[in-house]
Protein backbone atom coordinates (compact mmCIF):
# COMPACT_ATOMS: atom_id res chain seq x y z
CA MET A 1 -26.33 -8.74 2.33
CA PRO A 2 -25.20 -10.51 5.38
CA GLY A 3 -28.30 -12.88 4.38
CA SER A 4 -26.69 -13.56 1.01
CA LEU A 5 -23.70 -15.35 2.47
CA ALA A 6 -24.58 -19.23 2.55
CA PRO A 7 -23.25 -21.56 5.69
CA LEU A 8 -20.54 -22.85 3.36
CA ASP A 9 -19.41 -19.07 2.95
CA TRP A 10 -19.35 -18.68 6.86
CA GLY A 11 -17.32 -21.94 6.82
CA VAL A 12 -14.59 -21.15 4.44
CA ILE A 13 -14.20 -17.45 6.19
CA LEU A 14 -13.78 -19.31 9.61
CA LEU A 15 -11.44 -21.97 8.16
CA TYR A 16 -9.27 -18.96 6.84
CA PHE A 17 -9.11 -17.22 10.28
CA ALA A 18 -8.38 -21.13 11.70
CA LEU A 19 -5.80 -21.20 9.21
CA LEU A 20 -4.53 -17.94 10.47
CA ALA A 21 -4.11 -18.77 13.69
CA ALA A 22 -2.88 -22.36 13.44
CA SER A 23 0.10 -20.60 11.36
CA GLY A 24 0.75 -17.94 14.19
CA VAL A 25 1.23 -20.80 16.73
CA TRP A 26 3.43 -22.89 14.31
CA ILE A 27 5.55 -19.90 13.69
CA ASN A 28 5.73 -19.04 17.34
CA ARG A 29 7.14 -22.39 18.31
CA ARG A 30 10.26 -20.51 17.83
CA SER A 31 10.95 -18.23 21.22
CA GLN A 32 11.35 -14.41 20.20
CA LYS A 33 14.04 -13.73 22.89
CA THR A 34 15.74 -10.83 21.04
CA THR A 35 14.51 -7.57 19.00
CA ASP A 36 17.05 -9.27 16.19
CA ASP A 37 14.22 -12.31 16.28
CA TYR A 38 11.25 -10.09 16.93
CA PHE A 39 11.98 -7.39 14.43
CA ARG A 40 14.46 -9.07 11.68
CA GLY A 41 13.43 -12.56 11.91
CA GLY A 42 17.02 -13.46 12.85
CA GLY A 43 17.90 -12.90 9.28
CA ARG A 44 16.34 -16.67 8.73
CA VAL A 45 13.49 -15.53 6.22
CA PRO A 46 14.34 -16.94 2.55
CA ALA A 47 14.45 -14.36 -0.24
CA TRP A 48 11.74 -15.98 -1.89
CA ALA A 49 9.21 -15.85 1.19
CA ALA A 50 10.37 -12.14 1.52
CA ALA A 51 9.61 -11.33 -1.90
CA VAL A 52 6.08 -12.85 -1.55
CA SER A 53 5.74 -10.80 1.79
CA VAL A 54 6.83 -7.56 -0.24
CA VAL A 55 4.36 -8.36 -2.76
CA ALA A 56 1.31 -9.28 -0.11
CA THR A 57 1.80 -6.19 1.64
CA SER A 58 1.99 -3.90 -0.91
CA MET A 59 -1.29 -4.95 -2.78
CA SER A 60 -3.35 -4.48 0.45
CA ALA A 61 -7.12 -4.50 0.47
CA ALA A 62 -6.96 -1.26 -2.00
CA SER A 63 -5.48 -4.02 -4.78
CA PHE A 64 -8.41 -6.00 -4.13
CA ILE A 65 -11.02 -3.22 -4.16
CA GLY A 66 -9.35 -0.40 -6.12
CA VAL A 67 -7.31 -1.97 -8.79
CA PRO A 68 -10.68 -3.75 -10.39
CA GLN A 69 -12.58 -0.60 -9.67
CA GLN A 70 -9.92 1.56 -11.67
CA ALA A 71 -10.32 -1.18 -14.54
CA TYR A 72 -14.13 -0.86 -14.21
CA VAL A 73 -14.15 3.11 -14.75
CA GLY A 74 -10.87 3.47 -16.48
CA ASP A 75 -8.62 1.06 -18.69
CA LEU A 76 -5.28 -0.90 -18.13
CA THR A 77 -2.95 1.98 -17.87
CA TYR A 78 -2.20 1.54 -14.44
CA LEU A 79 -0.41 -1.80 -15.23
CA SER A 80 2.48 0.29 -17.12
CA THR A 81 3.31 2.26 -13.88
CA ASN A 82 5.10 -1.27 -13.31
CA ILE A 83 7.81 0.05 -15.50
CA GLY A 84 8.89 2.33 -12.62
CA MET A 85 8.52 0.03 -10.06
CA VAL A 86 11.06 -2.14 -11.85
CA LEU A 87 13.26 0.65 -12.67
CA ALA A 88 12.98 1.58 -8.70
CA ALA A 89 13.81 -2.02 -7.70
CA ILE A 90 16.98 -2.10 -9.50
CA VAL A 91 17.95 1.15 -7.86
CA ILE A 92 17.08 -0.28 -4.20
CA ALA A 93 18.80 -4.02 -5.00
CA PHE A 94 22.15 -2.30 -6.13
CA VAL A 95 22.34 0.91 -3.86
CA PHE A 96 19.93 1.04 -0.93
CA VAL A 97 20.08 -2.44 0.42
CA PRO A 98 23.71 -2.88 0.16
CA ALA A 99 24.34 0.29 2.17
CA PHE A 100 21.51 -1.00 5.00
CA TYR A 101 23.65 -4.38 5.29
CA ARG A 102 27.01 -2.91 5.50
CA ALA A 103 25.59 -0.53 8.31
CA ARG A 104 24.00 -3.61 10.09
CA VAL A 105 21.09 -2.24 11.17
CA GLN A 106 17.60 -3.06 12.56
CA THR A 107 15.90 -0.31 10.77
CA ILE A 108 16.53 1.61 7.51
CA TYR A 109 16.78 5.10 9.61
CA ALA A 110 19.34 3.95 11.71
CA TYR A 111 21.57 4.20 8.52
CA LEU A 112 21.12 7.53 8.55
CA ASP A 113 22.70 8.23 12.07
CA THR A 114 25.85 7.04 10.46
CA ARG A 115 25.32 9.14 7.43
CA LEU A 116 23.72 12.16 8.56
CA GLY A 117 23.85 12.19 12.22
CA GLU A 118 21.55 10.86 15.04
CA PRO A 119 18.85 13.63 14.70
CA ALA A 120 18.61 13.08 10.84
CA GLY A 121 17.78 9.30 11.85
CA ARG A 122 15.49 10.13 14.35
CA ALA A 123 13.33 12.69 12.47
CA ALA A 124 13.25 10.15 9.20
CA SER A 125 11.61 7.58 12.15
CA LEU A 126 9.25 10.07 13.11
CA ALA A 127 8.19 10.78 9.46
CA PHE A 128 8.13 7.45 8.97
CA MET A 129 5.69 6.67 11.59
CA VAL A 130 3.32 9.62 11.03
CA GLY A 131 3.50 8.57 7.15
CA ARG A 132 2.27 5.17 7.97
CA VAL A 133 -0.19 6.12 10.04
CA LEU A 134 -1.50 7.88 7.03
CA ALA A 135 -1.10 5.10 4.36
CA SER A 136 -1.96 2.33 6.47
CA GLY A 137 -4.87 3.86 8.02
CA ALA A 138 -6.18 4.36 4.54
CA ARG A 139 -5.78 0.73 3.66
CA ILE A 140 -7.68 -0.26 6.91
CA TYR A 141 -10.62 1.64 5.96
CA ILE A 142 -10.60 0.09 2.21
CA GLY A 143 -9.85 -3.34 4.19
CA ALA A 144 -13.43 -2.58 6.51
CA ILE A 145 -15.59 -1.71 3.47
CA PRO A 146 -16.15 -5.48 2.85
CA ALA A 147 -16.13 -6.38 6.72
CA SER A 148 -18.95 -3.79 7.08
CA LEU A 149 -20.84 -5.08 4.05
CA VAL A 150 -20.73 -8.55 5.42
CA LEU A 151 -21.60 -7.96 9.19
CA PHE A 152 -24.34 -5.13 8.48
CA GLY A 153 -24.90 -5.12 4.82
CA ASP A 154 -24.13 -1.26 3.78
CA LEU A 155 -21.45 1.26 4.27
CA ALA A 156 -22.89 3.41 6.83
CA PRO A 157 -20.34 5.47 8.60
CA GLY A 158 -21.17 3.77 12.26
CA HIS A 159 -20.98 0.26 10.61
CA LEU A 160 -17.50 1.16 8.75
CA VAL A 161 -16.06 1.97 12.35
CA VAL A 162 -17.07 -1.00 13.63
CA ALA A 163 -15.29 -2.69 10.97
CA ILE A 164 -12.39 -1.17 11.37
CA ALA A 165 -12.43 -2.14 15.02
CA VAL A 166 -12.71 -5.48 14.36
CA LEU A 167 -9.95 -5.65 11.98
CA SER A 168 -7.51 -3.73 14.03
CA VAL A 169 -7.89 -5.92 17.02
CA VAL A 170 -7.48 -9.29 14.80
CA GLY A 171 -4.21 -7.53 13.35
CA VAL A 172 -3.11 -6.72 16.43
CA VAL A 173 -3.49 -10.08 18.32
CA TYR A 174 -1.79 -11.80 15.28
CA THR A 175 0.95 -9.41 15.25
CA LEU A 176 1.91 -9.88 18.91
CA VAL A 177 2.26 -13.41 18.43
CA GLY A 178 5.18 -13.96 16.92
CA GLY A 179 6.66 -10.50 15.37
CA VAL A 180 8.26 -9.78 11.66
CA GLU A 181 8.46 -13.43 11.22
CA SER A 182 5.00 -14.67 11.53
CA VAL A 183 4.11 -11.79 9.58
CA ILE A 184 5.93 -12.77 6.63
CA TRP A 185 4.91 -16.49 6.54
CA SER A 186 0.95 -15.31 6.99
CA ASP A 187 1.89 -13.17 4.17
CA VAL A 188 2.75 -16.17 1.83
CA ILE A 189 -0.56 -17.77 3.30
CA GLN A 190 -2.29 -14.89 2.48
CA MET A 191 -1.06 -14.12 -0.81
CA ALA A 192 -1.93 -17.52 -1.92
CA ILE A 193 -5.47 -17.22 -0.68
CA LEU A 194 -5.55 -13.62 -2.25
CA LEU A 195 -4.78 -15.10 -5.88
CA GLY A 196 -6.73 -18.15 -5.89
CA ALA A 197 -9.76 -16.08 -5.15
CA CYS A 198 -8.93 -13.54 -7.81
CA ILE A 199 -8.48 -16.48 -10.35
CA ALA A 200 -11.84 -18.20 -9.27
CA ALA A 201 -13.43 -14.53 -9.63
CA ILE A 202 -12.17 -14.61 -13.42
CA VAL A 203 -13.65 -17.92 -13.98
CA VAL A 204 -16.88 -17.33 -12.68
CA ILE A 205 -17.55 -14.06 -14.15
CA ALA A 206 -16.46 -15.09 -17.56
CA SER A 207 -18.89 -18.18 -17.32
CA ARG A 208 -21.63 -15.68 -16.67
CA LEU A 209 -21.14 -14.38 -20.17
CA ASN A 210 -22.30 -15.56 -23.66
CA ALA A 211 -20.01 -13.36 -25.73
CA GLY A 212 -17.06 -15.10 -27.38
CA PHE A 213 -13.63 -13.79 -26.85
CA GLY A 214 -13.51 -11.74 -29.98
CA GLU A 215 -16.62 -10.26 -28.94
CA ALA A 216 -15.71 -9.31 -25.51
CA ILE A 217 -12.31 -7.80 -27.10
CA ASP A 218 -14.48 -5.92 -29.24
CA ALA A 219 -16.75 -4.46 -26.53
CA LEU A 220 -13.92 -3.58 -24.27
CA ALA A 221 -11.92 -1.78 -27.27
CA SER A 222 -14.78 0.81 -27.53
CA GLY A 223 -16.32 0.71 -24.10
CA GLY A 224 -14.49 3.58 -22.19
CA ALA A 225 -15.41 7.03 -21.92
CA GLY A 226 -16.21 8.54 -25.27
CA GLY A 227 -15.84 5.53 -27.12
CA ALA A 228 -11.96 5.02 -25.90
CA SER A 229 -10.40 1.61 -25.64
CA LYS A 230 -10.42 0.26 -21.84
CA LEU A 231 -7.72 -2.04 -23.16
CA THR A 232 -5.17 0.89 -23.57
CA LEU A 233 -2.02 0.00 -21.71
CA PHE A 234 0.20 2.77 -22.81
CA ASP A 235 -0.95 6.40 -22.03
CA LEU A 236 1.27 8.45 -24.58
CA SER A 237 -0.03 11.85 -23.59
CA LEU A 238 2.46 14.45 -21.89
CA ASP A 239 -0.56 15.33 -19.85
CA PRO A 240 0.85 16.12 -16.32
CA HIS A 241 -2.58 15.50 -14.88
CA ALA A 242 -2.55 11.95 -16.11
CA ALA A 243 -1.55 9.49 -13.32
CA PHE A 244 -0.79 6.81 -15.11
CA SER A 245 0.59 8.25 -18.68
CA LEU A 246 3.80 6.55 -19.82
CA PRO A 247 6.21 9.83 -18.58
CA ALA A 248 4.54 9.34 -15.36
CA ALA A 249 5.24 5.52 -15.22
CA PHE A 250 9.19 6.10 -15.88
CA ILE A 251 9.89 8.85 -13.76
CA GLY A 252 6.83 9.42 -10.89
CA PHE A 253 6.37 5.91 -10.66
CA THR A 254 10.39 5.14 -9.98
CA ILE A 255 10.35 7.84 -7.52
CA MET A 256 6.88 6.37 -5.99
CA GLY A 257 8.82 2.89 -6.04
CA ILE A 258 11.72 4.09 -4.13
CA GLY A 259 9.54 5.69 -1.81
CA SER A 260 7.60 2.50 -1.12
CA TYR A 261 10.39 -0.14 -1.31
CA GLY A 262 13.33 1.66 -0.06
CA VAL A 263 12.99 4.51 2.20
CA ASP A 264 9.46 2.90 4.00
CA GLN A 265 10.41 0.43 6.87
CA ASP A 266 6.90 -1.33 6.35
CA LEU A 267 8.52 -2.74 3.10
CA ALA A 268 12.02 -2.32 3.30
CA GLN A 269 11.89 -4.16 6.70
CA ARG A 270 11.58 -7.62 4.76
CA LEU A 271 14.76 -6.91 2.86
CA LEU A 272 16.64 -6.79 6.33
CA THR A 273 15.22 -10.35 7.22
CA CYS A 274 17.40 -11.85 4.82
CA ARG A 275 20.56 -13.78 5.11
CA ASP A 276 22.49 -11.38 3.18
CA ALA A 277 22.30 -8.07 0.93
CA LYS A 278 22.52 -10.32 -1.95
CA ALA A 279 19.34 -12.63 -0.96
CA GLY A 280 17.60 -9.06 0.16
CA ALA A 281 18.26 -7.87 -3.33
CA ARG A 282 17.07 -10.59 -4.77
CA SER A 283 13.94 -10.22 -2.77
CA ILE A 284 12.98 -7.06 -3.81
CA ILE A 285 13.45 -7.79 -7.73
CA GLY A 286 11.50 -10.90 -7.15
CA GLY A 287 8.71 -9.38 -5.52
CA ILE A 288 8.34 -6.24 -8.22
CA LEU A 289 8.12 -8.94 -10.77
CA ILE A 290 5.83 -11.27 -8.86
CA GLY A 291 3.51 -8.25 -8.51
CA ILE A 292 2.97 -7.43 -12.45
CA PRO A 293 0.82 -10.59 -13.08
CA SER A 294 -0.87 -10.14 -9.96
CA VAL A 295 -1.80 -6.38 -10.65
CA ALA A 296 -2.64 -7.81 -14.03
CA LEU A 297 -5.23 -10.51 -12.81
CA PHE A 298 -7.08 -8.22 -10.65
CA LEU A 299 -7.51 -5.30 -13.70
CA VAL A 300 -8.62 -8.57 -15.68
CA VAL A 301 -11.27 -8.81 -12.87
CA GLY A 302 -12.27 -5.41 -13.54
CA LEU A 303 -12.82 -5.43 -17.20
CA LEU A 304 -14.87 -8.33 -17.14
CA LEU A 305 -16.97 -6.84 -14.30
CA PHE A 306 -17.26 -4.15 -16.83
CA LEU A 307 -18.77 -6.22 -19.23
CA PHE A 308 -21.19 -8.01 -16.85
CA TYR A 309 -22.77 -4.78 -15.53
CA GLN A 310 -22.17 -2.61 -18.41
CA ARG A 311 -22.96 -4.72 -21.39
CA PRO A 312 -26.03 -6.78 -20.49
CA ASP A 313 -26.28 -7.82 -23.91
CA LEU A 314 -23.31 -10.05 -23.32
CA VAL A 315 -24.71 -11.61 -20.11
CA ALA A 316 -26.09 -15.13 -20.16
CA GLY A 317 -29.58 -15.10 -18.15
CA GLU A 318 -31.12 -11.83 -16.95
CA ALA A 319 -29.08 -8.62 -16.81
CA VAL A 320 -28.14 -7.19 -13.36
CA ARG A 321 -28.27 -3.72 -12.31
CA PRO A 322 -24.99 -2.39 -11.71
CA PRO A 323 -24.26 -0.77 -8.03
CA ASP A 324 -24.46 3.15 -7.65
CA ASP A 325 -21.17 3.09 -5.90
CA SER A 326 -18.12 1.92 -8.04
CA ARG A 327 -16.53 1.04 -4.74
CA GLN A 328 -18.87 -1.77 -4.47
CA VAL A 329 -18.66 -3.36 -8.08
CA PHE A 330 -16.35 -6.30 -7.25
CA LEU A 331 -18.08 -6.88 -3.75
CA ALA A 332 -21.79 -6.68 -5.24
CA PHE A 333 -20.67 -9.53 -7.56
CA ILE A 334 -19.05 -11.21 -4.55
CA MET A 335 -22.19 -11.18 -2.40
CA ASP A 336 -24.83 -11.30 -4.73
CA GLU A 337 -23.84 -13.20 -7.79
CA MET A 338 -20.93 -16.18 -6.60
CA PRO A 339 -21.89 -19.66 -6.13
CA ALA A 340 -21.97 -20.67 -2.16
CA GLY A 341 -18.50 -21.28 -0.96
CA LEU A 342 -16.87 -19.22 -3.51
CA SER A 343 -18.24 -15.81 -1.91
CA GLY A 344 -16.49 -17.15 1.20
CA LEU A 345 -13.29 -17.54 -0.38
CA MET A 346 -13.61 -14.13 -2.18
CA LEU A 347 -14.03 -12.37 1.03
CA ALA A 348 -10.86 -14.44 2.92
CA GLY A 349 -9.13 -12.98 0.20
CA LEU A 350 -10.34 -9.54 1.05
CA PHE A 351 -9.53 -9.94 4.62
CA ALA A 352 -6.19 -11.51 3.70
CA ALA A 353 -5.45 -8.22 1.69
CA GLY A 354 -6.53 -6.11 4.54
CA LEU A 355 -4.84 -7.70 7.44
CA SER A 356 -1.73 -8.41 5.30
CA SER A 357 -1.05 -4.36 5.31
CA LEU A 358 -1.99 -3.99 8.73
CA ASN A 359 -0.21 -6.68 10.34
CA SER A 360 3.12 -5.44 8.42
CA ALA A 361 2.59 -1.64 8.99
CA ILE A 362 1.96 -2.03 13.27
CA ASN A 363 4.98 -4.35 13.47
CA ALA A 364 7.40 -1.82 11.13
CA MET A 365 5.96 1.36 13.53
CA SER A 366 6.64 -0.87 16.51
CA SER A 367 10.28 -2.02 15.40
CA THR A 368 11.08 1.69 14.21
CA PHE A 369 9.83 3.13 17.77
CA ILE A 370 11.62 0.67 19.69
CA ASN A 371 15.03 0.46 17.60
CA ASP A 372 15.08 4.36 17.03
CA PHE A 373 13.73 5.96 20.42
CA TYR A 374 12.85 3.61 23.27
CA ARG A 375 16.33 1.65 23.05
CA ARG A 376 18.24 5.10 23.09
CA ALA A 377 15.89 6.50 26.11
CA ARG A 378 16.39 2.93 28.12
CA PRO A 379 20.29 1.94 27.08
CA GLY A 380 20.40 -0.20 30.05
CA ALA A 381 17.13 -2.13 29.40
CA SER A 382 17.30 -6.01 28.60
CA GLU A 383 16.65 -7.74 24.93
CA ALA A 384 13.63 -9.38 26.91
CA ALA A 385 12.31 -6.18 28.34
CA LEU A 386 12.84 -4.43 24.81
CA VAL A 387 10.60 -7.51 23.26
CA ARG A 388 7.79 -6.80 25.82
CA ALA A 389 8.03 -3.19 25.06
CA GLY A 390 7.87 -3.81 21.30
CA ARG A 391 4.57 -5.75 21.89
CA VAL A 392 3.02 -2.68 23.94
CA ALA A 393 4.08 -0.68 20.97
CA VAL A 394 2.38 -2.77 18.74
CA ALA A 395 -0.68 -2.55 20.70
CA ALA A 396 -0.40 1.16 20.81
CA TRP A 397 0.20 1.67 16.86
CA GLY A 398 -2.83 -0.61 16.21
CA VAL A 399 -5.13 1.56 18.37
CA VAL A 400 -3.74 4.75 16.56
CA LEU A 401 -3.91 3.20 13.02
CA GLY A 402 -7.62 2.52 13.53
CA LEU A 403 -8.25 5.78 14.90
CA PHE A 404 -7.24 7.28 11.47
CA ALA A 405 -9.05 4.77 9.57
CA CYS A 406 -11.90 5.91 11.28
CA GLY A 407 -11.24 9.53 9.97
CA CYS A 408 -10.48 8.04 6.42
CA VAL A 409 -14.37 7.38 6.48
CA TRP A 410 -14.78 11.41 5.98
CA LEU A 411 -11.62 11.84 4.28
CA TYR A 412 -12.50 9.31 1.09
CA GLY A 413 -15.85 11.18 0.91
CA ARG A 414 -14.00 14.60 -0.03
CA HIS A 415 -11.55 12.43 -2.58
CA ALA A 416 -14.10 10.77 -3.91
CA GLY A 417 -16.23 14.08 -4.59
CA GLU A 418 -13.16 15.29 -6.48
CA GLY A 419 -13.27 12.39 -8.77
CA GLY A 420 -10.60 10.07 -7.40
CA THR A 421 -10.94 6.28 -6.74
CA LEU A 422 -10.28 4.08 -3.93
CA LEU A 423 -6.72 3.27 -5.52
CA THR A 424 -5.66 6.72 -6.23
CA PHE A 425 -6.57 7.65 -2.63
CA ALA A 426 -4.60 5.12 -0.91
CA LEU A 427 -1.37 6.24 -3.40
CA THR A 428 -1.98 9.65 -2.49
CA VAL A 429 -2.05 9.44 1.37
CA MET A 430 1.33 7.71 0.97
CA THR A 431 3.13 10.41 -0.69
CA PHE A 432 3.22 13.05 2.51
CA ALA A 433 5.88 11.23 3.97
CA TYR A 434 7.74 9.91 1.06
CA ALA A 435 8.56 13.07 -0.28
CA GLY A 436 11.09 14.11 2.61
CA LEU A 437 11.94 10.90 3.02
CA ILE A 438 13.10 10.36 -0.29
CA GLY A 439 15.11 13.65 -0.34
CA VAL A 440 16.97 12.90 2.57
CA PHE A 441 17.94 9.26 1.54
CA PHE A 442 18.81 10.61 -1.86
CA THR A 443 21.12 12.62 -0.17
CA ALA A 444 22.67 10.18 2.19
CA LEU A 445 23.29 7.64 -0.58
CA PHE A 446 24.14 9.80 -3.84
CA THR A 447 26.25 12.57 -2.16
CA LYS A 448 28.63 13.37 0.31
CA ARG A 449 26.40 16.38 1.72
CA GLY A 450 23.32 16.83 4.46
CA ASN A 451 23.46 16.82 8.26
CA GLY A 452 21.07 16.43 10.97
CA ALA A 453 19.92 20.32 10.39
CA SER A 454 19.27 20.01 6.89
CA ALA A 455 17.27 16.27 6.63
CA ILE A 456 14.84 17.80 9.47
CA ALA A 457 14.22 20.74 7.29
CA ALA A 458 14.04 18.56 4.26
CA LEU A 459 11.40 16.39 5.87
CA ILE A 460 9.34 19.25 6.93
CA VAL A 461 9.33 20.91 3.48
CA GLY A 462 8.36 17.39 1.53
CA PHE A 463 5.55 17.19 3.89
CA ILE A 464 4.48 20.61 3.41
CA ALA A 465 4.84 20.68 -0.12
CA VAL A 466 2.70 17.73 -0.91
CA GLY A 467 0.15 19.01 1.48
CA LEU A 468 0.00 22.37 -0.26
CA MET A 469 -0.63 20.61 -3.51
CA GLN A 470 -3.98 19.05 -2.37
CA PRO A 471 -7.42 20.26 -3.36
CA MET A 472 -8.66 19.22 0.25
CA PHE A 473 -5.94 21.83 2.06
CA TRP A 474 -7.21 24.46 -0.53
CA GLY A 475 -10.97 23.50 -0.27
CA PHE A 476 -10.87 25.39 3.90
CA VAL A 477 -9.35 28.51 1.99
CA VAL A 478 -10.92 29.23 -1.11
CA ASP A 479 -14.04 28.03 -2.93
CA LEU A 480 -12.48 26.07 -5.67
CA ASP A 481 -15.76 25.30 -7.54
CA ALA A 482 -16.28 29.03 -7.71
CA ARG A 483 -12.58 29.49 -8.87
CA ARG A 484 -12.78 26.38 -11.53
CA ALA A 485 -16.11 28.15 -13.12
CA ALA A 486 -14.50 31.42 -13.42
CA ASP A 487 -11.49 30.36 -15.02
CA PRO A 488 -10.35 26.59 -15.39
CA GLY A 489 -7.23 27.74 -16.94
CA ASP A 490 -6.56 29.10 -13.43
CA ALA A 491 -2.50 28.48 -12.27
CA LEU A 492 -3.72 27.17 -8.66
CA LEU A 493 -6.12 24.79 -10.02
CA TRP A 494 -3.36 23.89 -12.90
CA VAL A 495 -1.14 22.65 -9.75
CA LEU A 496 -3.71 21.37 -7.77
CA ASP A 497 -4.90 18.84 -10.51
CA LEU A 498 -1.55 17.52 -10.93
CA ALA A 499 -1.38 13.59 -10.96
CA PHE A 500 -0.27 12.28 -7.28
CA VAL A 501 3.06 10.91 -8.63
CA TRP A 502 4.30 14.21 -10.00
CA LYS A 503 3.39 16.07 -7.01
CA LEU A 504 5.26 13.50 -5.07
CA THR A 505 8.11 14.40 -7.61
CA ILE A 506 8.22 17.84 -7.06
CA ALA A 507 7.81 17.56 -3.48
CA SER A 508 10.85 15.10 -3.48
CA GLY A 509 12.86 17.35 -5.73
CA LEU A 510 12.17 20.31 -3.26
CA SER A 511 13.34 18.14 -0.18
CA PHE A 512 16.57 16.95 -2.08
CA GLY A 513 17.54 20.23 -2.78
CA VAL A 514 17.04 21.51 0.89
CA CYS A 515 19.18 18.43 2.22
CA VAL A 516 22.04 18.91 0.16
CA VAL A 517 22.29 22.44 1.10
CA GLY A 518 23.51 21.26 4.46
CA LYS A 519 27.37 20.56 4.89
CA SER A 520 28.34 16.96 6.13
CA GLY A 521 31.42 16.30 8.29
CA MET A 522 30.49 12.91 8.62
CA THR A 523 31.65 9.47 6.78
CA THR A 524 29.71 8.49 3.69
CA HIS A 525 28.32 5.13 3.64
CA GLY A 526 26.82 5.15 0.35
CA ALA A 527 26.44 2.98 -2.73
CA GLY A 528 30.54 2.80 -3.26
């Protein structure tokens, strides 16, 4: 596969990295003298840029590869999950963001200090950092897939590890340059490249088909498993094992959206870089709305790839054998079927997606560590010393994320063996920390109860509850295949097969129930 890239493709990829470097130098012309500059951009970031950054970070390489894969093997029901995301954005805009701005915090977990006590805030910070290692490590692994194919032509574990190391080094170096402000403005550039690559892919794949629009629609309408339609947008079933059903979209993905954008410093950090709470609220709602057509474009890519690989009678010219691994379905087309130059643009889009989530994660974790732990341990440290420590933390977190991403080479093998896709793998990993954090923030914002002890207990309960509902955990304890063969309706198997958003909803409810048990003697700084 490396030989399939033309010199023009390599030129486009090099141009992308040159543009990235130039943008970093341009952004860094403004000195990063204080932690407010380095971690909040001094409140100078316009709402529209923060909104684009939210989309770019949330999409990641999991979206570039995983969303087309989802449409290729399934249908369009993933798009319906944006119902929950919009509902979550409204809650965050009118409840979470105003509370964070009133508390004048650099990290959202510092808000918990004022509401539930310092132990709660520090425990939440720690939970976020652990959870972000899991979630972003999984995204780096997914971003390393195209890098491994470009560099080595295969997905051998050793080659994936090298690709992970390359991405980690590039991401760390860029983030060291200019803090969160450089991350956000690079996200704007990378989002433009990402969407440009996606639109170009749609045009190229469509040009390879000799079917009219009506014929293509008919083929998709009966192309799913068992003759089901691949154009299904709403799954009206009440099956709790369906990840993208309409009930899951309204309930489960609302909870998931609050976890992603409201209690995760990685994305919530963007909401704190704006001029005021109103601008921060506009950025989250705008980001979600921009994300809907962005996801739709990648789903269209997956549908067109299905026609190209699975319906050779609709392809102009000689039929092409589909890749055996559905992870590679978009990558195979990019490497083997794209015209020279466009392959480079596609891969630049992939690298943009991967680096966007990496840059964001290590900056957010560095921000959390410095403000919620290091600053308190060194109360006399100057702002310049804190910024230097923040840069050291960026490098350290980059190493930690890279190491976990290497572990995902093995973890995804087990997830895929259970019928999961790259998209569901990335989303599932995110839920471990979200469950406890959602329970704690709901207690802090919507009730007058909770304290440090109950918050810590809630965070632990949320993490353990999600873990106990994972087939991977029970696979070490019992033979799940034998149990499934003996009794497919087994109660344990029923729970383990629940969609990940319902597992998150259950675990968040348990966490909330534990947190509200504690009595609060502190002042409430919530929605009101």
